[in-house]
């Protein structure tokens, strides 16, 4: 799997709860809000609450995040 297609999405459900989930965007560019909603809402409904509502806090490319981390360790 190409890490350039994997994104870490931090979502929040209320003022106290948040979680980072990983999604795969087949096109390799940052996913749109609609794409994130389509991929994450079923998970939120299954695990947290029936409404499936959440706020997107941050979207980070996993590949870029790893590359940045490695650049600091050199």
Protein backbone atom coordinates (compact mmCIF):
# COMPACT_ATOMS: atom_id res chain seq x y z
CA UNK A 1 0.00 0.00 0.00
CA UNK A 2 1.23 3.46 -0.91
CA UNK A 3 1.45 5.55 2.26
CA UNK A 4 0.80 8.63 0.14
CA UNK A 5 -2.83 7.48 -0.01
CA UNK A 6 -3.23 7.03 3.76
CA UNK A 7 -4.44 9.91 5.91
CA UNK A 8 -4.78 10.30 9.66
CA UNK A 9 -8.02 12.12 10.41
CA UNK A 10 -8.58 13.48 13.90
CA UNK A 11 -12.29 13.69 14.66
CA UNK A 12 -14.16 14.90 17.71
CA UNK A 13 -17.61 13.99 18.97
CA UNK A 14 -17.98 16.55 21.72
CA UNK A 15 -15.72 18.80 23.78
CA UNK A 16 -14.16 15.86 25.63
CA UNK A 17 -13.84 13.02 23.14
CA UNK A 18 -11.69 12.79 20.05
CA UNK A 19 -10.01 10.04 18.10
CA UNK A 20 -7.63 9.67 15.18
CA UNK A 21 -8.77 7.30 12.46
CA UNK A 22 -6.91 6.32 9.31
CA UNK A 23 -8.49 6.32 5.89
CA UNK A 24 -7.29 5.40 2.42
CA UNK A 25 -7.92 7.91 -0.35
CA UNK A 26 -7.59 6.02 -3.62
CA UNK A 27 -6.70 9.15 -5.59
CA UNK A 28 -3.73 10.01 -3.33
CA UNK A 29 -4.69 13.61 -2.60
CA UNK A 30 -6.19 14.97 0.61
CA UNK A 31 -9.71 13.61 0.97
CA UNK A 32 -12.62 16.02 0.82
CA UNK A 33 -14.93 16.56 3.75
CA UNK A 34 -17.61 14.54 1.93
CA UNK A 35 -15.21 11.62 1.40
CA UNK A 36 -14.20 11.66 5.06
CA UNK A 37 -17.84 11.75 6.13
CA UNK A 38 -18.73 8.81 3.87
CA UNK A 39 -15.85 6.71 5.22
CA UNK A 40 -15.95 7.68 8.91
CA UNK A 41 -19.66 8.19 9.71
CA UNK A 42 -20.49 4.43 9.61
CA UNK A 43 -17.68 3.79 12.11
CA UNK A 44 -18.88 6.60 14.40
CA UNK A 45 -22.45 5.24 14.25
CA UNK A 46 -21.26 1.73 15.11
CA UNK A 47 -18.86 2.69 17.91
CA UNK A 48 -20.07 5.98 19.43
CA UNK A 49 -23.60 7.09 18.62
CA UNK A 50 -26.39 6.55 16.12
CA UNK A 51 -26.30 10.02 14.60
CA UNK A 52 -22.80 9.46 13.21
CA UNK A 53 -22.03 13.14 13.70
CA UNK A 54 -18.48 14.31 14.23
CA UNK A 55 -16.24 17.29 13.58
CA UNK A 56 -13.06 17.03 11.55
CA UNK A 57 -10.22 18.50 13.59
CA UNK A 58 -7.21 17.67 11.40
CA UNK A 59 -6.21 15.71 8.30
CA UNK A 60 -2.58 14.65 7.93
CA UNK A 61 -0.86 12.61 5.25
CA UNK A 62 0.72 9.62 7.00
CA UNK A 63 3.60 9.62 4.51
CA UNK A 64 4.36 13.30 5.13
CA UNK A 65 4.08 12.82 8.88
CA UNK A 66 6.57 9.94 8.84
CA UNK A 67 8.97 11.83 6.57
CA UNK A 68 8.86 14.85 8.91
CA UNK A 69 9.48 12.66 11.92
CA UNK A 70 12.45 10.98 10.25
CA UNK A 71 13.95 14.32 9.21
CA UNK A 72 14.04 15.40 12.87
CA UNK A 73 15.83 12.23 13.93
CA UNK A 74 18.81 12.75 11.61
